[in-house]
Amino acid sequence: MKLKKIKIGIDSPVAAGAGTISKMLAMHYNLLYCDTGKIYRYLAKKLIQNKPKNKILYLKKISKKINLVKLKNKSLLNDDVALIASQIAKDLKVRKLVVKFQKNLAYNPPEKYKGSVLDGRDINSKIIKDADFKFYITASVKVRAKRRFKEYKKMGKNVKFADVLKSMKKRDKEDRTRKHSRLKKTKDSYLINTTNLSIKSSFLKVKKIVDRKLNKIWKK
């Protein structure tokens, strides 16, 4: 009997641990994984590189050529890319282009995968409304800022914790109040607070919920 492909949706604010947990889930259950924020960063990078006169027409063209390999480029983590990505993510026309790609990954993963896991801001409310598992992963803003601050230090960036905290608070506000696809916890999402949890403990907490229901899904 062919097993049903499972869909896992994870929403979270910045640096709550969702990306790492999603990767661990993908590896453990053999799922396709996509950090959906990287899609906007990829489009932003292309805009910076080519400076097209008509941004929407250009993005419509290159959005058809996006693939997961391109989203692994480390240059997508640059601050200038992040700035443009946050700007275009507010544009409904751009979001419609990205949504099509996201849904195709979620609902039609390659045969070698047992399903998909996507993380972002609007996965459970917009992209995979019928996900088999929905999680909202969060942590206190100070803890998240500390995590991001440590990441920057490892990268050799000369930053102040106060600036990282201020930037994160601003990003949180933008994500939660933007007009389209704002960050929010859906009623049917499991809340996972990682403030006082290690990554391993956070993963095991999510895994326990998945395992509890997984056998029932694959027996149908």
N, C-alpha and C. Protein backbone atom coordinates (compact mmCIF):
# COMPACT_ATOMS: atom_id res chain seq x y z
N MET A 1 0.84 -1.20 0.00
CA MET A 1 0.00 0.00 0.00
C MET A 1 0.88 1.26 0.00
N LYS A 2 0.53 2.21 -0.86
CA LYS A 2 1.28 3.45 -0.95
C LYS A 2 0.96 4.36 0.23
N LEU A 3 2.01 4.82 0.94
CA LEU A 3 1.80 5.68 2.10
C LEU A 3 1.38 7.08 1.68
N LYS A 4 0.51 7.68 2.47
CA LYS A 4 0.07 9.05 2.21
C LYS A 4 1.22 10.00 2.50
N LYS A 5 1.43 10.96 1.60
CA LYS A 5 2.47 11.98 1.82
C LYS A 5 1.98 12.92 2.92
N ILE A 6 2.83 13.23 3.89
CA ILE A 6 2.41 14.12 4.97
C ILE A 6 2.90 15.55 4.73
N LYS A 7 2.16 16.48 5.28
CA LYS A 7 2.51 17.90 5.14
C LYS A 7 2.63 18.52 6.54
N ILE A 8 3.78 19.12 6.79
CA ILE A 8 4.02 19.79 8.07
C ILE A 8 4.24 21.29 7.82
N GLY A 9 3.48 22.12 8.52
CA GLY A 9 3.62 23.56 8.39
C GLY A 9 4.13 24.15 9.69
N ILE A 10 5.13 25.02 9.60
CA ILE A 10 5.69 25.65 10.80
C ILE A 10 5.78 27.16 10.60
N ASP A 11 5.12 27.90 11.48
CA ASP A 11 5.20 29.36 11.48
C ASP A 11 5.99 29.81 12.70
N SER A 12 6.70 30.92 12.56
CA SER A 12 7.47 31.41 13.70
C SER A 12 8.03 32.80 13.44
N PRO A 13 8.30 33.54 14.50
CA PRO A 13 9.03 34.80 14.35
C PRO A 13 10.50 34.48 14.12
N VAL A 14 11.31 35.49 13.87
CA VAL A 14 12.74 35.31 13.60
C VAL A 14 13.49 34.68 14.77
N ALA A 15 14.39 33.74 14.46
CA ALA A 15 15.32 33.13 15.42
C ALA A 15 14.66 32.39 16.58
N ALA A 16 13.51 31.80 16.31
CA ALA A 16 12.84 31.01 17.35
C ALA A 16 13.29 29.55 17.33
N GLY A 17 14.03 29.17 16.28
CA GLY A 17 14.51 27.80 16.16
C GLY A 17 13.76 26.98 15.13
N ALA A 18 12.79 27.59 14.45
CA ALA A 18 11.95 26.86 13.50
C ALA A 18 12.73 26.24 12.36
N GLY A 19 13.72 26.98 11.84
CA GLY A 19 14.50 26.48 10.72
C GLY A 19 15.27 25.22 11.07
N THR A 20 15.94 25.24 12.20
CA THR A 20 16.73 24.08 12.64
C THR A 20 15.82 22.89 12.93
N ILE A 21 14.71 23.14 13.61
CA ILE A 21 13.76 22.07 13.93
C ILE A 21 13.18 21.47 12.65
N SER A 22 12.86 22.33 11.69
CA SER A 22 12.30 21.87 10.42
C SER A 22 13.30 20.97 9.68
N LYS A 23 14.56 21.36 9.68
CA LYS A 23 15.59 20.56 9.03
C LYS A 23 15.73 19.20 9.71
N MET A 24 15.64 19.19 11.04
CA MET A 24 15.74 17.94 11.78
C MET A 24 14.56 17.02 11.49
N LEU A 25 13.38 17.62 11.36
CA LEU A 25 12.18 16.85 11.01
C LEU A 25 12.32 16.26 9.61
N ALA A 26 12.82 17.08 8.69
CA ALA A 26 12.98 16.64 7.31
C ALA A 26 13.95 15.46 7.23
N MET A 27 15.03 15.54 7.98
CA MET A 27 16.02 14.48 7.97
C MET A 27 15.48 13.21 8.63
N HIS A 28 14.78 13.39 9.75
CA HIS A 28 14.29 12.23 10.49
C HIS A 28 13.19 11.47 9.74
N TYR A 29 12.28 12.20 9.12
CA TYR A 29 11.14 11.57 8.45
C TYR A 29 11.28 11.48 6.93
N ASN A 30 12.44 11.91 6.42
CA ASN A 30 12.67 11.93 4.97
C ASN A 30 11.64 12.80 4.25
N LEU A 31 11.62 14.08 4.61
CA LEU A 31 10.69 15.04 4.02
C LEU A 31 11.44 16.10 3.22
N LEU A 32 10.78 16.62 2.21
CA LEU A 32 11.33 17.77 1.50
C LEU A 32 11.24 18.97 2.43
N TYR A 33 12.31 19.76 2.51
CA TYR A 33 12.29 20.93 3.39
C TYR A 33 12.51 22.21 2.62
N CYS A 34 11.77 23.25 2.97
CA CYS A 34 11.98 24.56 2.37
C CYS A 34 11.81 25.67 3.40
N ASP A 35 12.83 26.50 3.51
CA ASP A 35 12.76 27.73 4.30
C ASP A 35 12.18 28.77 3.35
N THR A 36 10.89 29.06 3.48
CA THR A 36 10.21 29.89 2.49
C THR A 36 10.72 31.33 2.45
N GLY A 37 11.32 31.80 3.54
CA GLY A 37 11.88 33.14 3.54
C GLY A 37 13.01 33.29 2.54
N LYS A 38 13.70 32.17 2.26
CA LYS A 38 14.82 32.20 1.32
C LYS A 38 14.34 32.49 -0.11
N ILE A 39 13.09 32.18 -0.38
CA ILE A 39 12.55 32.45 -1.72
C ILE A 39 12.54 33.95 -1.99
N TYR A 40 12.07 34.71 -1.02
CA TYR A 40 12.05 36.17 -1.15
C TYR A 40 13.47 36.73 -1.22
N ARG A 41 14.37 36.11 -0.48
CA ARG A 41 15.77 36.55 -0.50
C ARG A 41 16.40 36.29 -1.87
N TYR A 42 16.03 35.16 -2.47
CA TYR A 42 16.55 34.84 -3.81
C TYR A 42 16.07 35.88 -4.83
N LEU A 43 14.80 36.20 -4.76
CA LEU A 43 14.24 37.20 -5.68
C LEU A 43 14.88 38.56 -5.44
N ALA A 44 15.10 38.88 -4.16
CA ALA A 44 15.73 40.16 -3.80
C ALA A 44 17.14 40.24 -4.37
N LYS A 45 17.88 39.15 -4.26
CA LYS A 45 19.26 39.13 -4.77
C LYS A 45 19.29 39.37 -6.27
N LYS A 46 18.35 38.76 -6.98
CA LYS A 46 18.29 38.93 -8.43
C LYS A 46 17.95 40.37 -8.81
N LEU A 47 17.10 41.00 -8.00
CA LEU A 47 16.76 42.41 -8.25
C LEU A 47 17.99 43.30 -8.05
N ILE A 48 18.75 43.01 -7.00
CA ILE A 48 19.96 43.79 -6.72
C ILE A 48 20.99 43.61 -7.84
N GLN A 49 21.11 42.39 -8.33
CA GLN A 49 22.10 42.10 -9.36
C GLN A 49 21.74 42.72 -10.71
N ASN A 50 20.47 42.67 -11.08
CA ASN A 50 20.08 43.05 -12.44
C ASN A 50 19.33 44.38 -12.58
N LYS A 51 18.82 44.91 -11.46
CA LYS A 51 18.15 46.22 -11.46
C LYS A 51 17.18 46.39 -12.64
N PRO A 52 16.18 45.52 -12.76
CA PRO A 52 15.23 45.62 -13.89
C PRO A 52 14.33 46.85 -13.78
N LYS A 53 13.89 47.35 -14.93
CA LYS A 53 13.00 48.51 -14.95
C LYS A 53 11.61 48.13 -14.45
N ASN A 54 11.13 46.99 -14.90
CA ASN A 54 9.82 46.49 -14.45
C ASN A 54 10.05 45.31 -13.51
N LYS A 55 10.01 45.56 -12.21
CA LYS A 55 10.33 44.54 -11.22
C LYS A 55 9.38 43.35 -11.27
N ILE A 56 8.08 43.60 -11.38
CA ILE A 56 7.10 42.51 -11.35
C ILE A 56 7.25 41.58 -12.55
N LEU A 57 7.40 42.15 -13.74
CA LEU A 57 7.57 41.32 -14.94
C LEU A 57 8.84 40.48 -14.83
N TYR A 58 9.89 41.09 -14.32
CA TYR A 58 11.16 40.39 -14.16
C TYR A 58 11.02 39.26 -13.13
N LEU A 59 10.40 39.55 -12.00
CA LEU A 59 10.24 38.53 -10.96
C LEU A 59 9.33 37.40 -11.42
N LYS A 60 8.33 37.74 -12.23
CA LYS A 60 7.43 36.71 -12.77
C LYS A 60 8.21 35.74 -13.64
N LYS A 61 9.18 36.28 -14.38
CA LYS A 61 10.00 35.46 -15.27
C LYS A 61 10.94 34.55 -14.49
N ILE A 62 11.68 35.13 -13.53
CA ILE A 62 12.67 34.32 -12.80
C ILE A 62 12.05 33.42 -11.74
N SER A 63 10.83 33.74 -11.30
CA SER A 63 10.18 32.90 -10.29
C SER A 63 9.92 31.49 -10.82
N LYS A 64 9.85 31.36 -12.13
CA LYS A 64 9.62 30.05 -12.76
C LYS A 64 10.88 29.19 -12.75
N LYS A 65 12.01 29.83 -12.44
CA LYS A 65 13.29 29.11 -12.47
C LYS A 65 13.85 28.82 -11.08
N ILE A 66 13.07 29.15 -10.04
CA ILE A 66 13.54 28.91 -8.67
C ILE A 66 13.60 27.41 -8.39
N ASN A 67 14.62 26.98 -7.68
CA ASN A 67 14.69 25.60 -7.19
C ASN A 67 15.40 25.60 -5.85
N LEU A 68 15.31 24.51 -5.14
CA LEU A 68 15.85 24.42 -3.79
C LEU A 68 17.37 24.59 -3.74
N VAL A 69 18.06 24.20 -4.80
CA VAL A 69 19.52 24.33 -4.84
C VAL A 69 19.91 25.81 -4.81
N LYS A 70 19.18 26.62 -5.58
CA LYS A 70 19.47 28.06 -5.64
C LYS A 70 19.23 28.73 -4.29
N LEU A 71 18.32 28.18 -3.50
CA LEU A 71 17.98 28.77 -2.21
C LEU A 71 19.03 28.48 -1.14
N LYS A 72 20.02 27.65 -1.45
CA LYS A 72 21.07 27.31 -0.48
C LYS A 72 22.28 28.24 -0.56
N ASN A 73 22.26 29.17 -1.51
CA ASN A 73 23.37 30.10 -1.70
C ASN A 73 23.57 30.96 -0.45
N LYS A 74 24.76 30.94 0.12
CA LYS A 74 25.03 31.67 1.37
C LYS A 74 24.92 33.18 1.23
N SER A 75 25.05 33.69 0.02
CA SER A 75 24.96 35.14 -0.19
C SER A 75 23.54 35.66 0.10
N LEU A 76 22.57 34.75 0.18
CA LEU A 76 21.19 35.15 0.47
C LEU A 76 21.06 35.64 1.91
N LEU A 77 22.07 35.36 2.74
CA LEU A 77 22.04 35.77 4.14
C LEU A 77 22.55 37.20 4.36
N ASN A 78 23.04 37.83 3.31
CA ASN A 78 23.58 39.18 3.43
C ASN A 78 22.50 40.19 3.83
N ASP A 79 22.91 41.22 4.58
CA ASP A 79 21.97 42.21 5.09
C ASP A 79 21.26 43.00 4.00
N ASP A 80 21.97 43.33 2.91
CA ASP A 80 21.35 44.09 1.83
C ASP A 80 20.26 43.28 1.14
N VAL A 81 20.48 41.98 1.05
CA VAL A 81 19.47 41.09 0.46
C VAL A 81 18.25 41.00 1.38
N ALA A 82 18.51 40.89 2.69
CA ALA A 82 17.43 40.79 3.67
C ALA A 82 16.54 42.04 3.64
N LEU A 83 17.15 43.19 3.47
CA LEU A 83 16.40 44.45 3.45
C LEU A 83 15.44 44.50 2.26
N ILE A 84 15.92 44.16 1.07
CA ILE A 84 15.08 44.17 -0.12
C ILE A 84 14.02 43.08 -0.04
N ALA A 85 14.41 41.92 0.53
CA ALA A 85 13.47 40.81 0.67
C ALA A 85 12.27 41.20 1.54
N SER A 86 12.53 41.92 2.63
CA SER A 86 11.44 42.34 3.52
C SER A 86 10.51 43.34 2.84
N GLN A 87 11.07 44.10 1.91
CA GLN A 87 10.27 45.08 1.17
C GLN A 87 9.36 44.42 0.13
N ILE A 88 9.92 43.52 -0.66
CA ILE A 88 9.11 42.88 -1.71
C ILE A 88 8.12 41.88 -1.14
N ALA A 89 8.40 41.37 0.07
CA ALA A 89 7.48 40.41 0.71
C ALA A 89 6.15 41.07 1.06
N LYS A 90 6.13 42.39 1.11
CA LYS A 90 4.89 43.12 1.43
C LYS A 90 4.01 43.30 0.20
N ASP A 91 4.58 43.06 -0.99
CA ASP A 91 3.87 43.27 -2.25
C ASP A 91 3.02 42.04 -2.58
N LEU A 92 1.72 42.23 -2.68
CA LEU A 92 0.80 41.12 -2.93
C LEU A 92 1.09 40.41 -4.25
N LYS A 93 1.50 41.17 -5.27
CA LYS A 93 1.80 40.58 -6.57
C LYS A 93 2.99 39.63 -6.47
N VAL A 94 3.97 40.03 -5.69
CA VAL A 94 5.16 39.18 -5.49
C VAL A 94 4.78 37.95 -4.68
N ARG A 95 3.97 38.13 -3.66
CA ARG A 95 3.56 37.01 -2.81
C ARG A 95 2.80 35.96 -3.61
N LYS A 96 2.00 36.39 -4.57
CA LYS A 96 1.24 35.44 -5.40
C LYS A 96 2.17 34.58 -6.23
N LEU A 97 3.27 35.16 -6.70
CA LEU A 97 4.26 34.40 -7.47
C LEU A 97 4.92 33.35 -6.59
N VAL A 98 5.25 33.74 -5.37
CA VAL A 98 5.94 32.85 -4.43
C VAL A 98 5.01 31.74 -3.92
N VAL A 99 3.77 32.08 -3.67
CA VAL A 99 2.78 31.11 -3.15
C VAL A 99 2.66 29.91 -4.08
N LYS A 100 2.65 30.16 -5.36
CA LYS A 100 2.54 29.07 -6.35
C LYS A 100 3.68 28.08 -6.20
N PHE A 101 4.89 28.60 -6.03
CA PHE A 101 6.07 27.75 -5.86
C PHE A 101 6.00 26.98 -4.54
N GLN A 102 5.59 27.67 -3.48
CA GLN A 102 5.50 27.05 -2.16
C GLN A 102 4.50 25.90 -2.15
N LYS A 103 3.35 26.15 -2.72
CA LYS A 103 2.30 25.11 -2.71
C LYS A 103 2.72 23.89 -3.52
N ASN A 104 3.43 24.12 -4.60
CA ASN A 104 3.89 22.99 -5.40
C ASN A 104 4.87 22.12 -4.61
N LEU A 105 5.74 22.76 -3.83
CA LEU A 105 6.67 22.00 -2.98
C LEU A 105 5.91 21.21 -1.92
N ALA A 106 4.94 21.87 -1.29
CA ALA A 106 4.19 21.26 -0.19
C ALA A 106 3.34 20.08 -0.66
N TYR A 107 2.66 20.25 -1.78
CA TYR A 107 1.70 19.24 -2.23
C TYR A 107 2.26 18.23 -3.23
N ASN A 108 3.38 18.58 -3.86
CA ASN A 108 3.94 17.68 -4.87
C ASN A 108 5.44 17.45 -4.70
N PRO A 109 5.86 16.99 -3.52
CA PRO A 109 7.30 16.72 -3.32
C PRO A 109 7.72 15.54 -4.20
N PRO A 110 8.99 15.49 -4.62
CA PRO A 110 9.47 14.36 -5.43
C PRO A 110 9.16 13.02 -4.76
N GLU A 111 9.05 12.00 -5.57
CA GLU A 111 8.66 10.67 -5.11
C GLU A 111 9.54 10.13 -3.98
N LYS A 112 10.81 10.53 -3.98
CA LYS A 112 11.75 9.99 -2.97
C LYS A 112 11.43 10.46 -1.56
N TYR A 113 10.62 11.51 -1.43
CA TYR A 113 10.27 12.04 -0.11
C TYR A 113 8.93 11.49 0.38
N LYS A 114 8.81 11.39 1.71
CA LYS A 114 7.56 10.92 2.32
C LYS A 114 6.58 12.07 2.59
N GLY A 115 6.98 13.25 2.20
CA GLY A 115 6.13 14.41 2.41
C GLY A 115 6.95 15.68 2.38
N SER A 116 6.44 16.72 3.04
CA SER A 116 7.11 18.02 3.02
C SER A 116 6.99 18.73 4.36
N VAL A 117 7.96 19.60 4.62
CA VAL A 117 7.90 20.47 5.79
C VAL A 117 8.36 21.85 5.35
N LEU A 118 7.49 22.84 5.52
CA LEU A 118 7.79 24.22 5.15
C LEU A 118 7.72 25.10 6.38
N ASP A 119 8.66 26.03 6.50
CA ASP A 119 8.58 26.98 7.60
C ASP A 119 8.61 28.41 7.07
N GLY A 120 7.90 29.29 7.77
CA GLY A 120 7.81 30.68 7.33
C GLY A 120 6.95 31.48 8.28
N ARG A 121 6.16 32.40 7.73
CA ARG A 121 5.31 33.26 8.54
C ARG A 121 3.82 32.96 8.35
N ASP A 122 3.46 32.49 7.15
CA ASP A 122 2.04 32.29 6.83
C ASP A 122 1.75 30.89 6.29
N ILE A 123 2.57 29.93 6.69
CA ILE A 123 2.44 28.57 6.14
C ILE A 123 1.08 27.94 6.48
N ASN A 124 0.71 28.00 7.75
CA ASN A 124 -0.53 27.34 8.18
C ASN A 124 -1.79 28.15 7.90
N SER A 125 -1.64 29.45 7.78
CA SER A 125 -2.81 30.30 7.53
C SER A 125 -3.09 30.51 6.04
N LYS A 126 -2.04 30.35 5.20
CA LYS A 126 -2.21 30.64 3.78
C LYS A 126 -1.75 29.52 2.84
N ILE A 127 -0.58 28.95 3.12
CA ILE A 127 0.04 28.03 2.16
C ILE A 127 -0.46 26.59 2.28
N ILE A 128 -0.45 26.03 3.50
CA ILE A 128 -0.91 24.63 3.69
C ILE A 128 -2.01 24.63 4.75
N LYS A 129 -3.16 25.11 4.40
CA LYS A 129 -4.27 25.20 5.37
C LYS A 129 -4.70 23.83 5.87
N ASP A 130 -4.46 22.79 5.07
CA ASP A 130 -4.86 21.43 5.46
C ASP A 130 -3.65 20.59 5.88
N ALA A 131 -2.63 21.23 6.38
CA ALA A 131 -1.43 20.50 6.82
C ALA A 131 -1.79 19.43 7.85
N ASP A 132 -1.12 18.30 7.79
CA ASP A 132 -1.37 17.21 8.74
C ASP A 132 -0.89 17.60 10.13
N PHE A 133 0.16 18.42 10.16
CA PHE A 133 0.71 18.91 11.43
C PHE A 133 1.00 20.39 11.32
N LYS A 134 0.52 21.16 12.28
CA LYS A 134 0.75 22.60 12.29
C LYS A 134 1.41 23.00 13.61
N PHE A 135 2.50 23.74 13.47
CA PHE A 135 3.22 24.19 14.67
C PHE A 135 3.48 25.69 14.60
N TYR A 136 3.42 26.32 15.76
CA TYR A 136 3.81 27.71 15.89
C TYR A 136 4.94 27.72 16.91
N ILE A 137 6.15 27.98 16.44
CA ILE A 137 7.32 27.95 17.30
C ILE A 137 7.75 29.37 17.65
N THR A 138 7.93 29.63 18.94
CA THR A 138 8.27 30.98 19.36
C THR A 138 9.25 30.94 20.54
N ALA A 139 9.68 32.12 20.96
CA ALA A 139 10.55 32.29 22.13
C ALA A 139 10.52 33.77 22.46
N SER A 140 10.96 34.13 23.66
CA SER A 140 10.97 35.54 24.04
C SER A 140 11.89 36.32 23.10
N VAL A 141 11.57 37.57 22.88
CA VAL A 141 12.34 38.38 21.94
C VAL A 141 13.80 38.54 22.39
N LYS A 142 14.05 38.60 23.70
CA LYS A 142 15.42 38.73 24.19
C LYS A 142 16.25 37.48 23.89
N VAL A 143 15.64 36.34 24.10
CA VAL A 143 16.33 35.07 23.82
C VAL A 143 16.61 34.94 22.33
N ARG A 144 15.65 35.32 21.52
CA ARG A 144 15.85 35.24 20.07
C ARG A 144 16.94 36.21 19.60
N ALA A 145 16.96 37.39 20.21
CA ALA A 145 17.99 38.38 19.87
C ALA A 145 19.37 37.88 20.26
N LYS A 146 19.47 37.21 21.41
CA LYS A 146 20.75 36.66 21.86
C LYS A 146 21.24 35.59 20.88
N ARG A 147 20.31 34.77 20.40
CA ARG A 147 20.68 33.73 19.44
C ARG A 147 21.21 34.35 18.15
N ARG A 148 20.52 35.37 17.66
CA ARG A 148 20.94 36.02 16.42
C ARG A 148 22.26 36.76 16.61
N PHE A 149 22.44 37.37 17.80
CA PHE A 149 23.67 38.09 18.13
C PHE A 149 24.86 37.14 18.10
N LYS A 150 24.70 35.94 18.66
CA LYS A 150 25.76 34.94 18.67
C LYS A 150 26.10 34.49 17.24
N GLU A 151 25.05 34.37 16.41
CA GLU A 151 25.26 33.98 15.01
C GLU A 151 26.11 35.03 14.29
N TYR A 152 25.77 36.30 14.52
CA TYR A 152 26.51 37.39 13.88
C TYR A 152 27.98 37.40 14.33
N LYS A 153 28.20 37.15 15.63
CA LYS A 153 29.56 37.13 16.17
C LYS A 153 30.38 36.01 15.53
N LYS A 154 29.77 34.86 15.35
CA LYS A 154 30.45 33.73 14.72
C LYS A 154 30.82 34.05 13.27
N MET A 155 29.99 34.89 12.65
CA MET A 155 30.22 35.30 11.26
C MET A 155 31.24 36.43 11.17
N GLY A 156 31.69 36.89 12.35
CA GLY A 156 32.69 37.95 12.37
C GLY A 156 32.13 39.35 12.22
N LYS A 157 30.83 39.50 12.41
CA LYS A 157 30.21 40.81 12.27
C LYS A 157 30.34 41.62 13.56
N ASN A 158 30.66 42.90 13.41
CA ASN A 158 30.81 43.79 14.55
C ASN A 158 29.46 44.45 14.85
N VAL A 159 28.68 43.81 15.71
CA VAL A 159 27.35 44.32 16.03
C VAL A 159 27.17 44.44 17.55
N LYS A 160 26.22 45.28 17.93
CA LYS A 160 25.89 45.45 19.35
C LYS A 160 24.58 44.73 19.63
N PHE A 161 24.51 44.10 20.80
CA PHE A 161 23.30 43.36 21.15
C PHE A 161 22.07 44.27 21.15
N ALA A 162 22.22 45.49 21.63
CA ALA A 162 21.10 46.44 21.68
C ALA A 162 20.53 46.70 20.29
N ASP A 163 21.41 46.76 19.30
CA ASP A 163 20.97 47.00 17.92
C ASP A 163 20.24 45.79 17.35
N VAL A 164 20.75 44.60 17.69
CA VAL A 164 20.11 43.37 17.22
C VAL A 164 18.72 43.25 17.82
N LEU A 165 18.61 43.55 19.11
CA LEU A 165 17.32 43.49 19.80
C LEU A 165 16.33 44.49 19.20
N LYS A 166 16.79 45.69 18.96
CA LYS A 166 15.94 46.73 18.38
C LYS A 166 15.44 46.33 16.99
N SER A 167 16.35 45.79 16.20
CA SER A 167 16.02 45.35 14.85
C SER A 167 15.00 44.21 14.86
N MET A 168 15.17 43.29 15.83
CA MET A 168 14.27 42.15 15.92
C MET A 168 12.86 42.58 16.34
N LYS A 169 12.78 43.52 17.25
CA LYS A 169 11.47 44.03 17.68
C LYS A 169 10.75 44.70 16.51
N LYS A 170 11.53 45.42 15.69
CA LYS A 170 10.96 46.08 14.52
C LYS A 170 10.45 45.05 13.52
N ARG A 171 11.26 44.01 13.30
CA ARG A 171 10.88 42.93 12.36
C ARG A 171 9.64 42.21 12.85
N ASP A 172 9.56 41.94 14.15
CA ASP A 172 8.39 41.28 14.73
C ASP A 172 7.12 42.09 14.46
N LYS A 173 7.23 43.39 14.68
CA LYS A 173 6.07 44.27 14.48
C LYS A 173 5.63 44.27 13.03
N GLU A 174 6.60 44.32 12.12
CA GLU A 174 6.29 44.31 10.69
C GLU A 174 5.62 43.00 10.28
N ASP A 175 6.17 41.88 10.78
CA ASP A 175 5.62 40.56 10.43
C ASP A 175 4.19 40.38 10.94
N ARG A 176 3.90 40.95 12.11
CA ARG A 176 2.60 40.75 12.74
C ARG A 176 1.54 41.76 12.33
N THR A 177 1.95 42.84 11.68
CA THR A 177 0.99 43.89 11.33
C THR A 177 0.88 44.17 9.83
N ARG A 178 1.70 43.49 9.02
CA ARG A 178 1.65 43.78 7.58
C ARG A 178 0.27 43.41 7.02
N LYS A 179 -0.08 44.04 5.93
CA LYS A 179 -1.41 43.90 5.36
C LYS A 179 -1.71 42.48 4.86
N HIS A 180 -0.73 41.87 4.22
CA HIS A 180 -0.95 40.54 3.63
C HIS A 180 -0.13 39.46 4.35
N SER A 181 -0.76 38.33 4.60
CA SER A 181 -0.08 37.14 5.14
C SER A 181 0.75 37.44 6.38
N ARG A 182 0.15 38.11 7.35
CA ARG A 182 0.88 38.44 8.57
C ARG A 182 1.13 37.21 9.43
N LEU A 183 2.15 37.31 10.26
CA LEU A 183 2.50 36.22 11.16
C LEU A 183 1.46 36.09 12.26
N LYS A 184 0.91 34.89 12.42
CA LYS A 184 -0.05 34.64 13.48
C LYS A 184 -0.15 33.14 13.73
N LYS A 185 -0.57 32.80 14.92
CA LYS A 185 -0.76 31.39 15.26
C LYS A 185 -2.19 31.01 14.90
N THR A 186 -2.35 29.97 14.09
CA THR A 186 -3.69 29.49 13.78
C THR A 186 -4.22 28.69 14.97
N LYS A 187 -5.52 28.61 15.09
CA LYS A 187 -6.15 27.94 16.24
C LYS A 187 -5.76 26.46 16.33
N ASP A 188 -5.48 25.85 15.19
CA ASP A 188 -5.18 24.41 15.20
C ASP A 188 -3.66 24.12 15.19
N SER A 189 -2.85 25.13 15.48
CA SER A 189 -1.39 24.93 15.54
C SER A 189 -0.95 24.62 16.97
N TYR A 190 -0.02 23.67 17.08
CA TYR A 190 0.57 23.37 18.39
C TYR A 190 1.57 24.50 18.71
N LEU A 191 1.49 25.02 19.92
CA LEU A 191 2.41 26.07 20.35
C LEU A 191 3.64 25.44 21.01
N ILE A 192 4.81 25.76 20.48
CA ILE A 192 6.07 25.28 21.03
C ILE A 192 6.91 26.48 21.41
N ASN A 193 7.12 26.69 22.71
CA ASN A 193 7.93 27.82 23.17
C ASN A 193 9.33 27.32 23.50
N THR A 194 10.31 27.80 22.75
CA THR A 194 11.68 27.30 22.89
C THR A 194 12.56 28.18 23.79
N THR A 195 11.95 29.14 24.49
CA THR A 195 12.72 30.07 25.33
C THR A 195 13.68 29.36 26.27
N ASN A 196 13.18 28.32 26.95
CA ASN A 196 14.00 27.60 27.92
C ASN A 196 14.35 26.18 27.48
N LEU A 197 14.29 25.95 26.19
CA LEU A 197 14.57 24.62 25.66
C LEU A 197 15.78 24.62 24.75
N SER A 198 16.52 23.53 24.77
CA SER A 198 17.62 23.36 23.81
C SER A 198 17.00 22.97 22.48
N ILE A 199 17.79 23.01 21.42
CA ILE A 199 17.27 22.60 20.11
C ILE A 199 16.84 21.13 20.13
N LYS A 200 17.65 20.29 20.79
CA LYS A 200 17.32 18.86 20.87
C LYS A 200 16.00 18.65 21.60
N SER A 201 15.81 19.33 22.73
CA SER A 201 14.57 19.20 23.50
C SER A 201 13.37 19.71 22.71
N SER A 202 13.57 20.79 21.97
CA SER A 202 12.51 21.36 21.14
C SER A 202 12.10 20.38 20.06
N PHE A 203 13.11 19.78 19.40
CA PHE A 203 12.85 18.81 18.35
C PHE A 203 12.09 17.60 18.89
N LEU A 204 12.54 17.08 20.03
CA LEU A 204 11.90 15.91 20.63
C LEU A 204 10.45 16.18 21.01
N LYS A 205 10.17 17.41 21.43
CA LYS A 205 8.81 17.80 21.78
C LYS A 205 7.90 17.78 20.55
N VAL A 206 8.44 18.30 19.45
CA VAL A 206 7.69 18.30 18.19
C VAL A 206 7.55 16.87 17.66
N LYS A 207 8.62 16.11 17.72
CA LYS A 207 8.63 14.72 17.22
C LYS A 207 7.60 13.87 17.96
N LYS A 208 7.47 14.08 19.25
CA LYS A 208 6.51 13.31 20.05
C LYS A 208 5.09 13.53 19.55
N ILE A 209 4.76 14.77 19.19
CA ILE A 209 3.43 15.10 18.68
C ILE A 209 3.22 14.45 17.31
N VAL A 210 4.25 14.51 16.47
CA VAL A 210 4.16 13.92 15.13
C VAL A 210 4.00 12.41 15.20
N ASP A 211 4.83 11.76 16.01
CA ASP A 211 4.78 10.30 16.12
C ASP A 211 3.43 9.80 16.62
N ARG A 212 2.83 10.57 17.52
CA ARG A 212 1.55 10.18 18.11
C ARG A 212 0.47 10.02 17.04
N LYS A 213 0.53 10.84 16.03
CA LYS A 213 -0.52 10.86 15.00
C LYS A 213 -0.12 10.18 13.70
N LEU A 214 1.17 10.01 13.49
CA LEU A 214 1.69 9.54 12.21
C LEU A 214 1.19 8.15 11.81
N ASN A 215 1.19 7.22 12.73
CA ASN A 215 0.74 5.87 12.41
C ASN A 215 -0.70 5.84 11.94
N LYS A 216 -1.53 6.68 12.55
CA LYS A 216 -2.94 6.77 12.16
C LYS A 216 -3.08 7.29 10.73
N ILE A 217 -2.24 8.26 10.38
CA ILE A 217 -2.30 8.84 9.02
C ILE A 217 -1.86 7.83 7.98
N TRP A 218 -0.76 7.16 8.25
CA TRP A 218 -0.22 6.24 7.25
C TRP A 218 -0.98 4.90 7.20
N LYS A 219 -1.87 4.65 8.16
CA LYS A 219 -2.68 3.43 8.13
C LYS A 219 -3.95 3.62 7.34
N LYS A 220 -4.31 4.90 7.08
CA LYS A 220 -5.56 5.20 6.36
C LYS A 220 -5.45 4.74 4.92
